[in-house]
Amino acid sequence: MTAHDQIAKDVAENDVVLYMKGTPVFPQCGFSAAAVQILSNLGVKYKAVDVLQDPDVRQGIKEFSNWPTIPQLYVKGEFVGGCDILREMYESDELGPFLTGKGVALETA
């Protein structure tokens, strides 16, 4: 399976996918850490893909989305954006309604 096929499969089979550097427990860059924090604050369940584990996926996700940076968030198969876009949506209270509008459950405390 090519990296592109794996990315397409992950995005299709998971409601929310975060392509990041590192893992949610041990993010390897500040932007990935910020994205994890935002999703955690909202109580979003998501699949995390560590691009540092596979150079083909690391390059492939940039080509798949035509977006040059990581992290990248996908919701219901749609590319949402990177850290800055997530932060802007979160701070303006748009991200939660966007996710629930897509049918993603939020487990806020």
PDB file of N, CA and C in Angstrom:
ATOM      1  N   MET A   1       0.853  -1.187   0.000  1.00  0.00           N
ATOM      2  CA  MET A   1       0.000   0.000   0.000  1.00  0.00           C
ATOM      3  C   MET A   1       0.895   1.245   0.000  1.00  0.00           C
ATOM      4  N   THR A   2       0.620   2.181  -0.871  1.00  0.00           N
ATOM      5  CA  THR A   2       1.417   3.407  -0.920  1.00  0.00           C
ATOM      6  C   THR A   2       1.024   4.322   0.238  1.00  0.00           C
ATOM      7  N   ALA A   3       1.874   5.300   0.497  1.00  0.00           N
ATOM      8  CA  ALA A   3       1.579   6.272   1.555  1.00  0.00           C
ATOM      9  C   ALA A   3       0.270   6.995   1.238  1.00  0.00           C
ATOM     10  N   HIS A   4       0.073   7.342  -0.028  1.00  0.00           N
ATOM     11  CA  HIS A   4      -1.155   8.037  -0.425  1.00  0.00           C
ATOM     12  C   HIS A   4      -2.379   7.170  -0.141  1.00  0.00           C
ATOM     13  N   ASP A   5      -2.281   5.877  -0.452  1.00  0.00           N
ATOM     14  CA  ASP A   5      -3.394   4.957  -0.188  1.00  0.00           C
ATOM     15  C   ASP A   5      -3.669   4.848   1.308  1.00  0.00           C
ATOM     16  N   GLN A   6      -2.600   4.785   2.120  1.00  0.00           N
ATOM     17  CA  GLN A   6      -2.758   4.680   3.570  1.00  0.00           C
ATOM     18  C   GLN A   6      -3.417   5.933   4.130  1.00  0.00           C
ATOM     19  N   ILE A   7      -2.989   7.093   3.650  1.00  0.00           N
ATOM     20  CA  ILE A   7      -3.586   8.365   4.098  1.00  0.00           C
ATOM     21  C   ILE A   7      -5.065   8.410   3.717  1.00  0.00           C
ATOM     22  N   ALA A   8      -5.370   8.060   2.473  1.00  0.00           N
ATOM     23  CA  ALA A   8      -6.768   8.070   2.012  1.00  0.00           C
ATOM     24  C   ALA A   8      -7.614   7.130   2.857  1.00  0.00           C
ATOM     25  N   LYS A   9      -7.059   5.960   3.206  1.00  0.00           N
ATOM     26  CA  LYS A   9      -7.777   4.969   4.025  1.00  0.00           C
ATOM     27  C   LYS A   9      -8.024   5.526   5.438  1.00  0.00           C
ATOM     28  N   ASP A  10      -6.981   6.087   6.056  1.00  0.00           N
ATOM     29  CA  ASP A  10      -7.124   6.642   7.409  1.00  0.00           C
ATOM     30  C   ASP A  10      -8.153   7.759   7.444  1.00  0.00           C
ATOM     31  N   VAL A  11      -8.092   8.652   6.460  1.00  0.00           N
ATOM     32  CA  VAL A  11      -9.003   9.793   6.417  1.00  0.00           C
ATOM     33  C   VAL A  11     -10.442   9.325   6.184  1.00  0.00           C
ATOM     34  N   ALA A  12     -10.606   8.274   5.363  1.00  0.00           N
ATOM     35  CA  ALA A  12     -11.941   7.767   5.064  1.00  0.00           C
ATOM     36  C   ALA A  12     -12.543   6.987   6.233  1.00  0.00           C
ATOM     37  N   GLU A  13     -11.704   6.277   6.988  1.00  0.00           N
ATOM     38  CA  GLU A  13     -12.206   5.363   8.015  1.00  0.00           C
ATOM     39  C   GLU A  13     -12.325   5.982   9.404  1.00  0.00           C
ATOM     40  N   ASN A  14     -11.822   7.192   9.606  1.00  0.00           N
ATOM     41  CA  ASN A  14     -11.857   7.832  10.922  1.00  0.00           C
ATOM     42  C   ASN A  14     -12.531   9.194  10.807  1.00  0.00           C
ATOM     43  N   ASP A  15     -13.431   9.483  11.738  1.00  0.00           N
ATOM     44  CA  ASP A  15     -14.128  10.774  11.700  1.00  0.00           C
ATOM     45  C   ASP A  15     -13.160  11.940  11.834  1.00  0.00           C
ATOM     46  N   VAL A  16     -12.169  11.793  12.726  1.00  0.00           N
ATOM     47  CA  VAL A  16     -11.201  12.863  12.962  1.00  0.00           C
ATOM     48  C   VAL A  16      -9.803  12.264  12.948  1.00  0.00           C
ATOM     49  N   VAL A  17      -8.925  12.804  12.107  1.00  0.00           N
ATOM     50  CA  VAL A  17      -7.545  12.329  12.017  1.00  0.00           C
ATOM     51  C   VAL A  17      -6.615  13.529  12.137  1.00  0.00           C
ATOM     52  N   LEU A  18      -5.620  13.394  13.021  1.00  0.00           N
ATOM     53  CA  LEU A  18      -4.600  14.430  13.176  1.00  0.00           C
ATOM     54  C   LEU A  18      -3.256  13.855  12.752  1.00  0.00           C
ATOM     55  N   TYR A  19      -2.700  14.411  11.691  1.00  0.00           N
ATOM     56  CA  TYR A  19      -1.338  14.067  11.280  1.00  0.00           C
ATOM     57  C   TYR A  19      -0.426  15.013  12.038  1.00  0.00           C
ATOM     58  N   MET A  20       0.493  14.446  12.817  1.00  0.00           N
ATOM     59  CA  MET A  20       1.298  15.261  13.717  1.00  0.00           C
ATOM     60  C   MET A  20       2.712  14.718  13.826  1.00  0.00           C
ATOM     61  N   LYS A  21       3.583  15.516  14.427  1.00  0.00           N
ATOM     62  CA  LYS A  21       4.940  15.072  14.730  1.00  0.00           C
ATOM     63  C   LYS A  21       4.932  14.583  16.168  1.00  0.00           C
ATOM     64  N   GLY A  22       5.186  13.283  16.340  1.00  0.00           N
ATOM     65  CA  GLY A  22       5.129  12.679  17.662  1.00  0.00           C
ATOM     66  C   GLY A  22       3.769  12.062  17.913  1.00  0.00           C
ATOM     67  N   THR A  23       3.461  11.881  19.196  1.00  0.00           N
ATOM     68  CA  THR A  23       2.190  11.283  19.608  1.00  0.00           C
ATOM     69  C   THR A  23       1.456  12.264  20.516  1.00  0.00           C
ATOM     70  N   PRO A  24       0.158  12.030  20.754  1.00  0.00           N
ATOM     71  CA  PRO A  24      -0.559  12.926  21.668  1.00  0.00           C
ATOM     72  C   PRO A  24       0.085  12.999  23.057  1.00  0.00           C
ATOM     73  N   VAL A  25       0.689  11.900  23.505  1.00  0.00           N
ATOM     74  CA  VAL A  25       1.330  11.890  24.822  1.00  0.00           C
ATOM     75  C   VAL A  25       2.689  12.601  24.774  1.00  0.00           C
ATOM     76  N   PHE A  26       3.403  12.411  23.673  1.00  0.00           N
ATOM     77  CA  PHE A  26       4.723  13.035  23.512  1.00  0.00           C
ATOM     78  C   PHE A  26       4.846  13.749  22.164  1.00  0.00           C
ATOM     79  N   PRO A  27       4.195  14.904  22.020  1.00  0.00           N
ATOM     80  CA  PRO A  27       4.318  15.650  20.764  1.00  0.00           C
ATOM     81  C   PRO A  27       5.774  16.070  20.560  1.00  0.00           C
ATOM     82  N   GLN A  28       6.214  16.076  19.305  1.00  0.00           N
ATOM     83  CA  GLN A  28       7.604  16.396  19.000  1.00  0.00           C
ATOM     84  C   GLN A  28       7.783  17.801  18.432  1.00  0.00           C
ATOM     85  N   CYS A  29       6.717  18.594  18.406  1.00  0.00           N
ATOM     86  CA  CYS A  29       6.858  19.999  18.026  1.00  0.00           C
ATOM     87  C   CYS A  29       5.744  20.796  18.701  1.00  0.00           C
ATOM     88  N   GLY A  30       6.009  22.076  18.867  1.00  0.00           N
ATOM     89  CA  GLY A  30       5.054  22.938  19.566  1.00  0.00           C
ATOM     90  C   GLY A  30       3.712  23.048  18.864  1.00  0.00           C
ATOM     91  N   PHE A  31       3.732  23.035  17.530  1.00  0.00           N
ATOM     92  CA  PHE A  31       2.478  23.159  16.788  1.00  0.00           C
ATOM     93  C   PHE A  31       1.619  21.910  16.963  1.00  0.00           C
ATOM     94  N   SER A  32       2.266  20.745  16.933  1.00  0.00           N
ATOM     95  CA  SER A  32       1.524  19.500  17.157  1.00  0.00           C
ATOM     96  C   SER A  32       0.981  19.464  18.584  1.00  0.00           C
ATOM     97  N   ALA A  33       1.787  19.921  19.539  1.00  0.00           N
ATOM     98  CA  ALA A  33       1.340  19.965  20.935  1.00  0.00           C
ATOM     99  C   ALA A  33       0.118  20.871  21.080  1.00  0.00           C
ATOM    100  N   ALA A  34       0.131  22.014  20.405  1.00  0.00           N
ATOM    101  CA  ALA A  34      -1.001  22.947  20.476  1.00  0.00           C
ATOM    102  C   ALA A  34      -2.258  22.321  19.884  1.00  0.00           C
ATOM    103  N   ALA A  35      -2.109  21.608  18.760  1.00  0.00           N
ATOM    104  CA  ALA A  35      -3.266  20.958  18.130  1.00  0.00           C
ATOM    105  C   ALA A  35      -3.854  19.896  19.048  1.00  0.00           C
ATOM    106  N   VAL A  36      -2.984  19.110  19.694  1.00  0.00           N
ATOM    107  CA  VAL A  36      -3.436  18.081  20.635  1.00  0.00           C
ATOM    108  C   VAL A  36      -4.178  18.737  21.798  1.00  0.00           C
ATOM    109  N   GLN A  37      -3.640  19.837  22.315  1.00  0.00           N
ATOM    110  CA  GLN A  37      -4.258  20.544  23.445  1.00  0.00           C
ATOM    111  C   GLN A  37      -5.655  21.044  23.079  1.00  0.00           C
ATOM    112  N   ILE A  38      -5.797  21.600  21.894  1.00  0.00           N
ATOM    113  CA  ILE A  38      -7.100  22.112  21.442  1.00  0.00           C
ATOM    114  C   ILE A  38      -8.112  20.970  21.345  1.00  0.00           C
ATOM    115  N   LEU A  39      -7.711  19.875  20.706  1.00  0.00           N
ATOM    116  CA  LEU A  39      -8.629  18.738  20.563  1.00  0.00           C
ATOM    117  C   LEU A  39      -8.970  18.144  21.920  1.00  0.00           C
ATOM    118  N   SER A  40      -7.993  18.090  22.819  1.00  0.00           N
ATOM    119  CA  SER A  40      -8.242  17.567  24.169  1.00  0.00           C
ATOM    120  C   SER A  40      -9.206  18.469  24.926  1.00  0.00           C
ATOM    121  N   ASN A  41      -9.025  19.785  24.798  1.00  0.00           N
ATOM    122  CA  ASN A  41      -9.910  20.733  25.477  1.00  0.00           C
ATOM    123  C   ASN A  41     -11.358  20.567  25.028  1.00  0.00           C
ATOM    124  N   LEU A  42     -11.548  20.217  23.756  1.00  0.00           N
ATOM    125  CA  LEU A  42     -12.897  20.043  23.221  1.00  0.00           C
ATOM    126  C   LEU A  42     -13.456  18.649  23.499  1.00  0.00           C
ATOM    127  N   GLY A  43     -12.586  17.716  23.918  1.00  0.00           N
ATOM    128  CA  GLY A  43     -13.045  16.356  24.175  1.00  0.00           C
ATOM    129  C   GLY A  43     -13.288  15.569  22.904  1.00  0.00           C
ATOM    130  N   VAL A  44     -12.462  15.810  21.888  1.00  0.00           N
ATOM    131  CA  VAL A  44     -12.625  15.141  20.596  1.00  0.00           C
ATOM    132  C   VAL A  44     -11.836  13.838  20.586  1.00  0.00           C
ATOM    133  N   LYS A  45     -12.486  12.762  20.184  1.00  0.00           N
ATOM    134  CA  LYS A  45     -11.771  11.509  19.951  1.00  0.00           C
ATOM    135  C   LYS A  45     -11.210  11.557  18.534  1.00  0.00           C
ATOM    136  N   TYR A  46      -9.943  11.194  18.385  1.00  0.00           N
ATOM    137  CA  TYR A  46      -9.330  11.267  17.067  1.00  0.00           C
ATOM    138  C   TYR A  46      -8.231  10.220  16.933  1.00  0.00           C
ATOM    139  N   LYS A  47      -7.913   9.931  15.685  1.00  0.00           N
ATOM    140  CA  LYS A  47      -6.779   9.057  15.386  1.00  0.00           C
ATOM    141  C   LYS A  47      -5.589   9.963  15.131  1.00  0.00           C
ATOM    142  N   ALA A  48      -4.491   9.708  15.842  1.00  0.00           N
ATOM    143  CA  ALA A  48      -3.258  10.465  15.632  1.00  0.00           C
ATOM    144  C   ALA A  48      -2.306   9.634  14.784  1.00  0.00           C
ATOM    145  N   VAL A  49      -1.708  10.258  13.784  1.00  0.00           N
ATOM    146  CA  VAL A  49      -0.714   9.599  12.946  1.00  0.00           C
ATOM    147  C   VAL A  49       0.601  10.359  13.096  1.00  0.00           C
ATOM    148  N   ASP A  50       1.626   9.657  13.596  1.00  0.00           N
ATOM    149  CA  ASP A  50       2.947  10.253  13.797  1.00  0.00           C
ATOM    150  C   ASP A  50       3.723  10.207  12.488  1.00  0.00           C
ATOM    151  N   VAL A  51       3.868  11.362  11.838  1.00  0.00           N
ATOM    152  CA  VAL A  51       4.540  11.400  10.530  1.00  0.00           C
ATOM    153  C   VAL A  51       6.042  11.142  10.651  1.00  0.00           C
ATOM    154  N   LEU A  52       6.582  11.247  11.860  1.00  0.00           N
ATOM    155  CA  LEU A  52       8.017  11.009  12.040  1.00  0.00           C
ATOM    156  C   LEU A  52       8.361   9.523  11.923  1.00  0.00           C
ATOM    157  N   GLN A  53       7.342   8.653  12.011  1.00  0.00           N
ATOM    158  CA  GLN A  53       7.568   7.214  11.913  1.00  0.00           C
ATOM    159  C   GLN A  53       7.738   6.742  10.476  1.00  0.00           C
ATOM    160  N   ASP A  54       7.315   7.552   9.511  1.00  0.00           N
ATOM    161  CA  ASP A  54       7.339   7.122   8.118  1.00  0.00           C
ATOM    162  C   ASP A  54       7.565   8.323   7.198  1.00  0.00           C
ATOM    163  N   PRO A  55       8.774   8.446   6.628  1.00  0.00           N
ATOM    164  CA  PRO A  55       9.076   9.581   5.748  1.00  0.00           C
ATOM    165  C   PRO A  55       8.123   9.672   4.548  1.00  0.00           C
ATOM    166  N   ASP A  56       7.636   8.533   4.073  1.00  0.00           N
ATOM    167  CA  ASP A  56       6.706   8.550   2.937  1.00  0.00           C
ATOM    168  C   ASP A  56       5.386   9.208   3.323  1.00  0.00           C
ATOM    169  N   VAL A  57       4.908   8.912   4.526  1.00  0.00           N
ATOM    170  CA  VAL A  57       3.667   9.531   5.002  1.00  0.00           C
ATOM    171  C   VAL A  57       3.914  11.018   5.279  1.00  0.00           C
ATOM    172  N   ARG A  58       5.085  11.316   5.844  1.00  0.00           N
ATOM    173  CA  ARG A  58       5.406  12.722   6.152  1.00  0.00           C
ATOM    174  C   ARG A  58       5.356  13.577   4.887  1.00  0.00           C
ATOM    175  N   GLN A  59       5.926  13.083   3.797  1.00  0.00           N
ATOM    176  CA  GLN A  59       5.886  13.810   2.529  1.00  0.00           C
ATOM    177  C   GLN A  59       4.518  13.652   1.867  1.00  0.00           C
ATOM    178  N   GLY A  60       3.958  12.455   1.951  1.00  0.00           N
ATOM    179  CA  GLY A  60       2.695  12.152   1.283  1.00  0.00           C
ATOM    180  C   GLY A  60       1.534  12.992   1.769  1.00  0.00           C
ATOM    181  N   ILE A  61       1.498  13.296   3.084  1.00  0.00           N
ATOM    182  CA  ILE A  61       0.374  14.066   3.621  1.00  0.00           C
ATOM    183  C   ILE A  61       0.423  15.502   3.089  1.00  0.00           C
ATOM    184  N   LYS A  62       1.624  16.011   2.861  1.00  0.00           N
ATOM    185  CA  LYS A  62       1.746  17.371   2.309  1.00  0.00           C
ATOM    186  C   LYS A  62       1.220  17.416   0.882  1.00  0.00           C
ATOM    187  N   GLU A  63       1.477  16.356   0.120  1.00  0.00           N
ATOM    188  CA  GLU A  63       0.992  16.278  -1.260  1.00  0.00           C
ATOM    189  C   GLU A  63      -0.514  15.991  -1.281  1.00  0.00           C
ATOM    190  N   PHE A  64      -0.972  15.132  -0.348  1.00  0.00           N
ATOM    191  CA  PHE A  64      -2.379  14.738  -0.282  1.00  0.00           C
ATOM    192  C   PHE A  64      -3.270  15.964  -0.061  1.00  0.00           C
ATOM    193  N   SER A  65      -2.840  16.843   0.826  1.00  0.00           N
ATOM    194  CA  SER A  65      -3.654  18.013   1.179  1.00  0.00           C
ATOM    195  C   SER A  65      -3.248  19.268   0.411  1.00  0.00           C
ATOM    196  N   ASN A  66      -2.093  19.207  -0.257  1.00  0.00           N
ATOM    197  CA  ASN A  66      -1.517  20.387  -0.882  1.00  0.00           C
ATOM    198  C   ASN A  66      -1.297  21.473   0.168  1.00  0.00           C
ATOM    199  N   TRP A  67      -0.830  21.049   1.335  1.00  0.00           N
ATOM    200  CA  TRP A  67      -0.582  21.942   2.475  1.00  0.00           C
ATOM    201  C   TRP A  67       0.819  21.632   2.973  1.00  0.00           C
ATOM    202  N   PRO A  68       1.690  22.649   3.144  1.00  0.00           N
ATOM    203  CA  PRO A  68       3.115  22.383   3.363  1.00  0.00           C
ATOM    204  C   PRO A  68       3.525  22.020   4.788  1.00  0.00           C
ATOM    205  N   THR A  69       2.648  22.231   5.759  1.00  0.00           N
ATOM    206  CA  THR A  69       3.085  22.064   7.145  1.00  0.00           C
ATOM    207  C   THR A  69       2.298  20.976   7.884  1.00  0.00           C
ATOM    208  N   ILE A  70       2.872  20.566   9.003  1.00  0.00           N
ATOM    209  CA  ILE A  70       2.260  19.581   9.893  1.00  0.00           C
ATOM    210  C   ILE A  70       2.227  20.243  11.265  1.00  0.00           C
ATOM    211  N   PRO A  71       1.168  20.116  12.047  1.00  0.00           N
ATOM    212  CA  PRO A  71       0.081  19.144  11.942  1.00  0.00           C
ATOM    213  C   PRO A  71      -0.980  19.500  10.893  1.00  0.00           C
ATOM    214  N   GLN A  72      -1.780  18.478  10.564  1.00  0.00           N
ATOM    215  CA  GLN A  72      -2.919  18.639   9.676  1.00  0.00           C
ATOM    216  C   GLN A  72      -4.104  17.890  10.265  1.00  0.00           C
ATOM    217  N   LEU A  73      -5.255  18.543  10.270  1.00  0.00           N
ATOM    218  CA  LEU A  73      -6.470  17.941  10.826  1.00  0.00           C
ATOM    219  C   LEU A  73      -7.471  17.659   9.715  1.00  0.00           C
ATOM    220  N   TYR A  74      -8.008  16.441   9.745  1.00  0.00           N
ATOM    221  CA  TYR A  74      -9.072  16.034   8.825  1.00  0.00           C
ATOM    222  C   TYR A  74     -10.303  15.685   9.645  1.00  0.00           C
ATOM    223  N   VAL A  75     -11.459  16.147   9.182  1.00  0.00           N
ATOM    224  CA  VAL A  75     -12.735  15.830   9.826  1.00  0.00           C
ATOM    225  C   VAL A  75     -13.672  15.299   8.758  1.00  0.00           C
ATOM    226  N   LYS A  76     -14.143  14.071   8.961  1.00  0.00           N
ATOM    227  CA  LYS A  76     -15.073  13.427   8.021  1.00  0.00           C
ATOM    228  C   LYS A  76     -14.540  13.491   6.582  1.00  0.00           C
ATOM    229  N   GLY A  77     -13.237  13.227   6.444  1.00  0.00           N
ATOM    230  CA  GLY A  77     -12.633  13.184   5.128  1.00  0.00           C
ATOM    231  C   GLY A  77     -12.250  14.530   4.548  1.00  0.00           C
ATOM    232  N   GLU A  78     -12.524  15.613   5.261  1.00  0.00           N
ATOM    233  CA  GLU A  78     -12.257  16.962   4.756  1.00  0.00           C
ATOM    234  C   GLU A  78     -11.065  17.569   5.480  1.00  0.00           C
ATOM    235  N   PHE A  79     -10.127  18.126   4.715  1.00  0.00           N
ATOM    236  CA  PHE A  79      -8.980  18.813   5.311  1.00  0.00           C
ATOM    237  C   PHE A  79      -9.445  20.110   5.940  1.00  0.00           C
ATOM    238  N   VAL A  80      -9.196  20.269   7.237  1.00  0.00           N
ATOM    239  CA  VAL A  80      -9.620  21.476   7.953  1.00  0.00           C
ATOM    240  C   VAL A  80      -8.498  22.503   7.978  1.00  0.00           C
ATOM    241  N   GLY A  81      -7.286  22.064   8.330  1.00  0.00           N
ATOM    242  CA  GLY A  81      -6.172  23.001   8.362  1.00  0.00           C
ATOM    243  C   GLY A  81      -5.098  22.556   9.326  1.00  0.00           C
ATOM    244  N   GLY A  82      -4.178  23.473   9.564  1.00  0.00           N
ATOM    245  CA  GLY A  82      -3.066  23.227  10.468  1.00  0.00           C
ATOM    246  C   GLY A  82      -3.283  23.911  11.802  1.00  0.00           C
ATOM    247  N   CYS A  83      -2.203  24.081  12.531  1.00  0.00           N
ATOM    248  CA  CYS A  83      -2.269  24.606  13.893  1.00  0.00           C
ATOM    249  C   CYS A  83      -2.880  26.002  13.957  1.00  0.00           C
ATOM    250  N   ASP A  84      -2.446  26.910  13.086  1.00  0.00           N
ATOM    251  CA  ASP A  84      -2.950  28.283  13.143  1.00  0.00           C
ATOM    252  C   ASP A  84      -4.452  28.350  12.892  1.00  0.00           C
ATOM    253  N   ILE A  85      -4.914  27.588  11.911  1.00  0.00           N
ATOM    254  CA  ILE A  85      -6.346  27.566  11.601  1.00  0.00           C
ATOM    255  C   ILE A  85      -7.133  26.969  12.765  1.00  0.00           C
ATOM    256  N   LEU A  86      -6.609  25.868  13.331  1.00  0.00           N
ATOM    257  CA  LEU A  86      -7.271  25.258  14.493  1.00  0.00           C
ATOM    258  C   LEU A  86      -7.354  26.250  15.645  1.00  0.00           C
ATOM    259  N   ARG A  87      -6.238  26.927  15.904  1.00  0.00           N
ATOM    260  CA  ARG A  87      -6.203  27.877  17.021  1.00  0.00           C
ATOM    261  C   ARG A  87      -7.206  29.006  16.787  1.00  0.00           C
ATOM    262  N   GLU A  88      -7.248  29.540  15.569  1.00  0.00           N
ATOM    263  CA  GLU A  88      -8.193  30.624  15.265  1.00  0.00           C
ATOM    264  C   GLU A  88      -9.636  30.162  15.429  1.00  0.00           C
ATOM    265  N   MET A  89      -9.936  28.969  14.916  1.00  0.00           N
ATOM    266  CA  MET A  89     -11.306  28.447  15.030  1.00  0.00           C
ATOM    267  C   MET A  89     -11.675  28.201  16.491  1.00  0.00           C
ATOM    268  N   TYR A  90     -10.715  27.687  17.265  1.00  0.00           N
ATOM    269  CA  TYR A  90     -10.964  27.390  18.675  1.00  0.00           C
ATOM    270  C   TYR A  90     -11.194  28.679  19.460  1.00  0.00           C
ATOM    271  N   GLU A  91     -10.322  29.655  19.250  1.00  0.00           N
ATOM    272  CA  GLU A  91     -10.415  30.904  20.017  1.00  0.00           C
ATOM    273  C   GLU A  91     -11.651  31.714  19.671  1.00  0.00           C
ATOM    274  N   SER A  92     -12.179  31.541  18.461  1.00  0.00           N
ATOM    275  CA  SER A  92     -13.394  32.267  18.070  1.00  0.00           C
ATOM    276  C   SER A  92     -14.647  31.409  18.280  1.00  0.00           C
ATOM    277  N   ASP A  93     -14.473  30.292  19.001  1.00  0.00           N
ATOM    278  CA  ASP A  93     -15.586  29.378  19.312  1.00  0.00           C
ATOM    279  C   ASP A  93     -16.271  28.836  18.065  1.00  0.00           C
ATOM    280  N   GLU A  94     -15.495  28.629  17.000  1.00  0.00           N
ATOM    281  CA  GLU A  94     -16.044  28.051  15.778  1.00  0.00           C
ATOM    282  C   GLU A  94     -15.758  26.561  15.664  1.00  0.00           C
ATOM    283  N   LEU A  95     -14.688  26.087  16.308  1.00  0.00           N
ATOM    284  CA  LEU A  95     -14.257  24.708  16.098  1.00  0.00           C
ATOM    285  C   LEU A  95     -15.251  23.697  16.670  1.00  0.00           C
ATOM    286  N   GLY A  96     -15.714  23.921  17.894  1.00  0.00           N
ATOM    287  CA  GLY A  96     -16.686  23.005  18.497  1.00  0.00           C
ATOM    288  C   GLY A  96     -17.943  22.868  17.655  1.00  0.00           C
ATOM    289  N   PRO A  97     -18.602  24.004  17.303  1.00  0.00           N
ATOM    290  CA  PRO A  97     -19.795  23.918  16.449  1.00  0.00           C
ATOM    291  C   PRO A  97     -19.511  23.303  15.081  1.00  0.00           C
ATOM    292  N   PHE A  98     -18.314  23.569  14.516  1.00  0.00           N
ATOM    293  CA  PHE A  98     -17.941  22.968  13.235  1.00  0.00           C
ATOM    294  C   PHE A  98     -17.917  21.443  13.371  1.00  0.00           C
ATOM    295  N   LEU A  99     -17.285  20.962  14.439  1.00  0.00           N
ATOM    296  CA  LEU A  99     -17.169  19.513  14.648  1.00  0.00           C
ATOM    297  C   LEU A  99     -18.535  18.879  14.890  1.00  0.00           C
ATOM    298  N   THR A 100     -19.333  19.478  15.758  1.00  0.00           N
ATOM    299  CA  THR A 100     -20.649  18.896  16.045  1.00  0.00           C
ATOM    300  C   THR A 100     -21.533  18.967  14.813  1.00  0.00           C
ATOM    301  N   GLY A 101     -21.363  20.014  14.018  1.00  0.00           N
ATOM    302  CA  GLY A 101     -22.114  20.128  12.762  1.00  0.00           C
ATOM    303  C   GLY A 101     -21.774  19.020  11.783  1.00  0.00           C
ATOM    304  N   LYS A 102     -20.555  18.485  11.907  1.00  0.00           N
ATOM    305  CA  LYS A 102     -20.119  17.363  11.059  1.00  0.00           C
ATOM    306  C   LYS A 102     -20.501  16.015  11.677  1.00  0.00           C
ATOM    307  N   GLY A 103     -21.120  16.053  12.856  1.00  0.00           N
ATOM    308  CA  GLY A 103     -21.529  14.813  13.499  1.00  0.00           C
ATOM    309  C   GLY A 103     -20.478  14.199  14.402  1.00  0.00           C
ATOM    310  N   VAL A 104     -19.495  15.000  14.808  1.00  0.00           N
ATOM    311  CA  VAL A 104     -18.446  14.530  15.709  1.00  0.00           C
ATOM    312  C   VAL A 104     -18.858  14.832  17.143  1.00  0.00           C
ATOM    313  N   ALA A 105     -18.869  13.815  17.988  1.00  0.00           N
ATOM    314  CA  ALA A 105     -19.259  13.985  19.377  1.00  0.00           C
ATOM    315  C   ALA A 105     -18.124  14.642  20.175  1.00  0.00           C
ATOM    316  N   LEU A 106     -18.477  15.572  21.028  1.00  0.00           N
ATOM    317  CA  LEU A 106     -17.512  16.200  21.926  1.00  0.00           C
ATOM    318  C   LEU A 106     -17.801  15.721  23.338  1.00  0.00           C
ATOM    319  N   GLU A 107     -16.770  15.284  24.019  1.00  0.00           N
ATOM    320  CA  GLU A 107     -16.927  14.770  25.382  1.00  0.00           C
ATOM    321  C   GLU A 107     -16.391  15.785  26.363  1.00  0.00           C
ATOM    322  N   THR A 108     -17.002  16.955  26.371  1.00  0.00           N
ATOM    323  CA  THR A 108     -16.556  18.008  27.281  1.00  0.00           C
ATOM    324  C   THR A 108     -17.020  17.708  28.689  1.00  0.00           C
ATOM    325  N   ALA A 109     -16.191  18.094  29.637  1.00  0.00           N
ATOM    326  CA  ALA A 109     -16.483  17.795  31.044  1.00  0.00           C
ATOM    327  C   ALA A 109     -17.601  18.688  31.564  1.00  0.00           C
TER     328      ALA A 109
END
